[in-house]
N, C-alpha and C. Protein backbone atom coordinates (compact mmCIF):
# COMPACT_ATOMS: atom_id res chain seq x y z
N UNK A 1 102.29 93.93 89.63
CA UNK A 1 101.33 94.92 90.06
C UNK A 1 100.79 95.64 88.82
N UNK A 2 99.52 96.03 88.90
CA UNK A 2 98.84 96.72 87.81
C UNK A 2 98.51 98.14 88.26
N UNK A 3 98.81 99.10 87.42
CA UNK A 3 98.46 100.50 87.70
C UNK A 3 97.34 100.92 86.76
N UNK A 4 96.31 101.53 87.34
CA UNK A 4 95.13 102.03 86.62
C UNK A 4 95.14 103.55 86.76
N UNK A 5 95.21 104.24 85.63
CA UNK A 5 95.22 105.70 85.64
C UNK A 5 93.97 106.19 84.92
N UNK A 6 93.24 107.08 85.57
CA UNK A 6 92.02 107.67 85.00
C UNK A 6 92.19 109.18 85.04
N UNK A 7 92.17 109.81 83.87
CA UNK A 7 92.25 111.26 83.74
C UNK A 7 90.92 111.76 83.20
N UNK A 8 90.45 112.90 83.72
CA UNK A 8 89.18 113.43 83.23
C UNK A 8 89.11 114.94 83.40
N UNK A 9 88.17 115.50 82.67
CA UNK A 9 87.81 116.91 82.82
C UNK A 9 86.29 116.95 82.90
N UNK A 10 85.77 118.02 83.48
CA UNK A 10 84.32 118.14 83.64
C UNK A 10 83.77 119.21 82.71
N UNK A 11 82.50 119.04 82.38
CA UNK A 11 81.81 120.00 81.54
C UNK A 11 81.69 121.34 82.26
N UNK A 12 81.65 122.40 81.48
CA UNK A 12 81.43 123.72 82.05
C UNK A 12 80.11 123.73 82.81
N UNK A 13 80.14 124.30 84.00
CA UNK A 13 78.95 124.36 84.85
C UNK A 13 78.79 123.18 85.79
N UNK A 14 79.61 122.14 85.60
CA UNK A 14 79.57 120.98 86.50
C UNK A 14 80.47 121.24 87.70
N UNK A 15 80.16 120.61 88.81
CA UNK A 15 80.93 120.79 90.04
C UNK A 15 82.05 119.76 90.09
N UNK A 16 83.24 120.18 89.65
CA UNK A 16 84.38 119.27 89.63
C UNK A 16 84.79 118.79 91.00
N UNK A 17 84.66 119.64 92.02
CA UNK A 17 85.01 119.24 93.38
C UNK A 17 84.09 118.13 93.88
N UNK A 18 82.82 118.19 93.51
CA UNK A 18 81.88 117.15 93.92
C UNK A 18 82.22 115.82 93.24
N UNK A 19 82.59 115.87 91.97
CA UNK A 19 82.99 114.66 91.26
C UNK A 19 84.25 114.07 91.91
N UNK A 20 85.21 114.93 92.19
CA UNK A 20 86.46 114.50 92.83
C UNK A 20 86.17 113.83 94.17
N UNK A 21 85.33 114.44 94.97
CA UNK A 21 84.99 113.88 96.29
C UNK A 21 84.28 112.54 96.17
N UNK A 22 83.35 112.46 95.24
CA UNK A 22 82.59 111.21 95.08
C UNK A 22 83.51 110.07 94.61
N UNK A 23 84.36 110.34 93.64
CA UNK A 23 85.30 109.31 93.19
C UNK A 23 86.29 108.95 94.29
N UNK A 24 86.64 109.92 95.13
CA UNK A 24 87.55 109.66 96.24
C UNK A 24 87.01 108.64 97.24
N UNK A 25 85.70 108.49 97.28
CA UNK A 25 85.08 107.50 98.18
C UNK A 25 85.43 106.07 97.79
N UNK A 26 85.83 105.85 96.55
CA UNK A 26 86.15 104.49 96.09
C UNK A 26 87.25 103.85 96.93
N UNK A 27 88.17 104.67 97.41
CA UNK A 27 89.29 104.13 98.18
C UNK A 27 88.82 103.30 99.37
N UNK A 28 87.73 103.70 99.99
CA UNK A 28 87.26 103.03 101.21
C UNK A 28 86.05 102.13 100.96
N UNK A 29 85.56 102.09 99.74
CA UNK A 29 84.35 101.32 99.46
C UNK A 29 84.59 100.07 98.63
N UNK A 30 85.71 100.03 97.92
CA UNK A 30 85.97 98.90 97.03
C UNK A 30 87.24 98.18 97.50
N UNK A 31 87.13 96.90 97.84
CA UNK A 31 88.30 96.16 98.31
C UNK A 31 89.27 95.83 97.18
N UNK A 32 90.49 95.51 97.56
CA UNK A 32 91.49 95.04 96.60
C UNK A 32 92.47 96.10 96.13
N UNK A 33 92.30 97.33 96.58
CA UNK A 33 93.22 98.38 96.18
C UNK A 33 94.53 98.27 96.95
N UNK A 34 95.64 98.32 96.26
CA UNK A 34 96.95 98.32 96.91
C UNK A 34 97.48 99.74 97.08
N UNK A 35 97.01 100.65 96.23
CA UNK A 35 97.38 102.06 96.30
C UNK A 35 96.28 102.87 95.68
N UNK A 36 96.10 104.11 96.15
CA UNK A 36 95.03 104.97 95.63
C UNK A 36 95.44 106.42 95.83
N UNK A 37 95.46 107.19 94.75
CA UNK A 37 95.66 108.63 94.84
C UNK A 37 94.68 109.31 93.91
N UNK A 38 94.27 110.51 94.29
CA UNK A 38 93.32 111.27 93.48
C UNK A 38 93.59 112.75 93.71
N UNK A 39 93.42 113.56 92.67
CA UNK A 39 93.65 114.99 92.85
C UNK A 39 93.35 115.80 91.62
N UNK A 40 93.43 117.12 91.82
CA UNK A 40 93.21 118.09 90.76
C UNK A 40 94.55 118.52 90.17
N UNK A 41 94.57 118.74 88.86
CA UNK A 41 95.78 119.18 88.19
C UNK A 41 96.25 120.52 88.77
N UNK A 42 97.54 120.60 89.05
CA UNK A 42 98.11 121.81 89.63
C UNK A 42 99.28 122.36 88.81
N UNK A 43 99.81 121.59 87.91
CA UNK A 43 101.03 121.96 87.20
C UNK A 43 100.83 123.05 86.17
N UNK A 44 101.88 123.81 85.97
CA UNK A 44 101.89 124.87 84.96
C UNK A 44 103.08 124.71 84.02
N UNK A 45 103.73 123.55 84.05
CA UNK A 45 104.93 123.36 83.25
C UNK A 45 104.60 123.33 81.76
N UNK A 46 105.60 123.56 80.91
CA UNK A 46 105.37 123.50 79.47
C UNK A 46 104.93 122.12 79.00
N UNK A 47 105.17 121.10 79.81
CA UNK A 47 104.77 119.74 79.44
C UNK A 47 103.39 119.37 79.94
N UNK A 48 102.71 120.31 80.59
CA UNK A 48 101.35 120.04 81.07
C UNK A 48 100.43 119.80 79.88
N UNK A 49 99.27 119.25 80.13
CA UNK A 49 98.39 118.81 79.06
C UNK A 49 97.54 119.94 78.47
N UNK A 50 97.98 121.17 78.60
CA UNK A 50 97.31 122.32 77.99
C UNK A 50 95.84 122.42 78.37
N UNK A 51 95.53 122.04 79.62
CA UNK A 51 94.16 122.17 80.11
C UNK A 51 93.24 121.03 79.75
N UNK A 52 93.74 120.00 79.08
CA UNK A 52 92.89 118.89 78.67
C UNK A 52 92.36 118.12 79.87
N UNK A 53 93.23 117.82 80.81
CA UNK A 53 92.84 116.98 81.96
C UNK A 53 92.89 117.82 83.23
N UNK A 54 91.77 117.86 83.92
CA UNK A 54 91.66 118.64 85.15
C UNK A 54 91.92 117.80 86.39
N UNK A 55 91.69 116.49 86.30
CA UNK A 55 91.75 115.62 87.48
C UNK A 55 92.40 114.28 87.11
N UNK A 56 92.91 113.60 88.14
CA UNK A 56 93.51 112.29 87.94
C UNK A 56 93.22 111.38 89.12
N UNK A 57 93.06 110.09 88.82
CA UNK A 57 92.91 109.05 89.84
C UNK A 57 93.85 107.93 89.44
N UNK A 58 94.64 107.44 90.39
CA UNK A 58 95.54 106.33 90.15
C UNK A 58 95.30 105.26 91.20
N UNK A 59 95.12 104.03 90.74
CA UNK A 59 94.94 102.89 91.64
C UNK A 59 95.93 101.80 91.26
N UNK A 60 96.41 101.08 92.26
CA UNK A 60 97.29 99.94 92.04
C UNK A 60 96.60 98.68 92.53
N UNK A 61 96.80 97.60 91.77
CA UNK A 61 96.19 96.30 92.06
C UNK A 61 97.25 95.21 91.92
N UNK A 62 97.03 94.08 92.57
CA UNK A 62 97.94 92.95 92.45
C UNK A 62 97.88 92.30 91.08
N UNK A 63 96.70 92.36 90.42
CA UNK A 63 96.53 91.65 89.15
C UNK A 63 95.44 92.32 88.32
N UNK A 64 95.39 91.95 87.04
CA UNK A 64 94.30 92.44 86.19
C UNK A 64 92.96 91.89 86.66
N UNK A 65 92.96 90.73 87.28
CA UNK A 65 91.72 90.18 87.84
C UNK A 65 91.20 91.08 88.95
N UNK A 66 92.11 91.57 89.80
CA UNK A 66 91.69 92.51 90.86
C UNK A 66 91.17 93.81 90.27
N UNK A 67 91.80 94.29 89.20
CA UNK A 67 91.32 95.49 88.51
C UNK A 67 89.91 95.24 87.95
N UNK A 68 89.69 94.08 87.35
CA UNK A 68 88.35 93.75 86.83
C UNK A 68 87.32 93.72 87.96
N UNK A 69 87.69 93.15 89.11
CA UNK A 69 86.76 93.12 90.25
C UNK A 69 86.42 94.53 90.71
N UNK A 70 87.42 95.41 90.73
CA UNK A 70 87.22 96.81 91.09
C UNK A 70 86.25 97.47 90.11
N UNK A 71 86.50 97.32 88.82
CA UNK A 71 85.67 97.99 87.82
C UNK A 71 84.25 97.46 87.80
N UNK A 72 84.05 96.21 88.18
CA UNK A 72 82.72 95.62 88.18
C UNK A 72 82.05 95.62 89.55
N UNK A 73 82.73 96.15 90.55
CA UNK A 73 82.16 96.20 91.90
C UNK A 73 80.94 97.12 91.91
N UNK A 74 79.87 96.72 92.60
CA UNK A 74 78.65 97.54 92.62
C UNK A 74 78.87 98.99 93.10
N UNK A 75 79.75 99.19 94.07
CA UNK A 75 80.02 100.55 94.55
C UNK A 75 80.69 101.39 93.46
N UNK A 76 81.64 100.79 92.75
CA UNK A 76 82.30 101.49 91.64
C UNK A 76 81.27 101.83 90.56
N UNK A 77 80.46 100.86 90.19
CA UNK A 77 79.45 101.08 89.16
C UNK A 77 78.48 102.20 89.55
N UNK A 78 78.05 102.21 90.80
CA UNK A 78 77.10 103.22 91.26
C UNK A 78 77.71 104.63 91.19
N UNK A 79 78.94 104.77 91.67
CA UNK A 79 79.58 106.08 91.67
C UNK A 79 79.83 106.55 90.24
N UNK A 80 80.30 105.66 89.37
CA UNK A 80 80.54 106.03 87.97
C UNK A 80 79.23 106.46 87.31
N UNK A 81 78.15 105.74 87.59
CA UNK A 81 76.85 106.12 87.02
C UNK A 81 76.42 107.50 87.50
N UNK A 82 76.70 107.82 88.76
CA UNK A 82 76.30 109.11 89.32
C UNK A 82 77.08 110.28 88.73
N UNK A 83 78.38 110.11 88.52
CA UNK A 83 79.21 111.24 88.10
C UNK A 83 79.50 111.26 86.60
N UNK A 84 79.22 110.19 85.90
CA UNK A 84 79.59 110.06 84.49
C UNK A 84 79.05 111.16 83.60
N UNK A 85 77.88 111.68 83.89
CA UNK A 85 77.31 112.75 83.09
C UNK A 85 78.04 114.07 83.21
N UNK A 86 78.90 114.20 84.21
CA UNK A 86 79.66 115.43 84.43
C UNK A 86 80.92 115.50 83.58
N UNK A 87 81.36 114.37 83.04
CA UNK A 87 82.62 114.33 82.31
C UNK A 87 82.50 115.03 80.96
N UNK A 88 83.45 115.91 80.68
CA UNK A 88 83.60 116.46 79.34
C UNK A 88 84.34 115.45 78.48
N UNK A 89 85.39 114.88 79.07
CA UNK A 89 86.20 113.88 78.38
C UNK A 89 86.97 113.09 79.42
N UNK A 90 87.41 111.90 79.06
CA UNK A 90 88.18 111.08 79.98
C UNK A 90 89.03 110.08 79.20
N UNK A 91 90.06 109.58 79.89
CA UNK A 91 90.92 108.56 79.31
C UNK A 91 91.39 107.63 80.43
N UNK A 92 91.55 106.37 80.11
CA UNK A 92 92.04 105.37 81.06
C UNK A 92 93.25 104.68 80.47
N UNK A 93 94.23 104.41 81.31
CA UNK A 93 95.43 103.66 80.92
C UNK A 93 95.73 102.67 82.02
N UNK A 94 95.83 101.40 81.67
CA UNK A 94 96.18 100.33 82.61
C UNK A 94 97.46 99.67 82.12
N UNK A 95 98.41 99.44 83.03
CA UNK A 95 99.66 98.79 82.63
C UNK A 95 100.27 98.05 83.80
N UNK A 96 101.16 97.10 83.47
CA UNK A 96 101.87 96.31 84.47
C UNK A 96 103.07 97.09 84.98
N UNK A 97 103.29 97.01 86.26
CA UNK A 97 104.49 97.59 86.87
C UNK A 97 105.38 96.42 87.26
N UNK A 98 106.49 96.26 86.59
CA UNK A 98 107.42 95.19 86.89
C UNK A 98 108.62 95.78 87.62
N UNK A 99 109.09 95.10 88.63
CA UNK A 99 110.23 95.61 89.39
C UNK A 99 111.48 95.74 88.53
N UNK A 100 111.57 95.01 87.42
CA UNK A 100 112.75 95.06 86.57
C UNK A 100 112.76 96.21 85.58
N UNK A 101 111.70 97.06 85.55
CA UNK A 101 111.63 98.13 84.56
C UNK A 101 112.06 99.45 85.10
N UNK A 102 112.44 99.51 86.36
CA UNK A 102 112.84 100.77 86.95
C UNK A 102 111.69 101.57 87.51
N UNK A 103 110.47 101.03 87.43
CA UNK A 103 109.29 101.73 87.95
C UNK A 103 109.16 101.52 89.43
């Protein structure tokens, strides 16, 4: 299984809730997702990212090929094009989840 993590923050004056809602539509518009979570940062722990990342989206896929299909899907492309100008910064991390690693 492949896990795709997308963290982002929005520019001052941008509507973060609107970006969150629009990205949340991906769960029902793009096939091949095995898992999908999205939300706003709520933690205040000393290990928090010091305000760098305001939002997170996590998706699980059976394979990197499925992840590629998701990223190249027209619905994904359209939504990313619509909200991309709102991002102050973002980061993506994709990795394999193997049952033997304790994950």
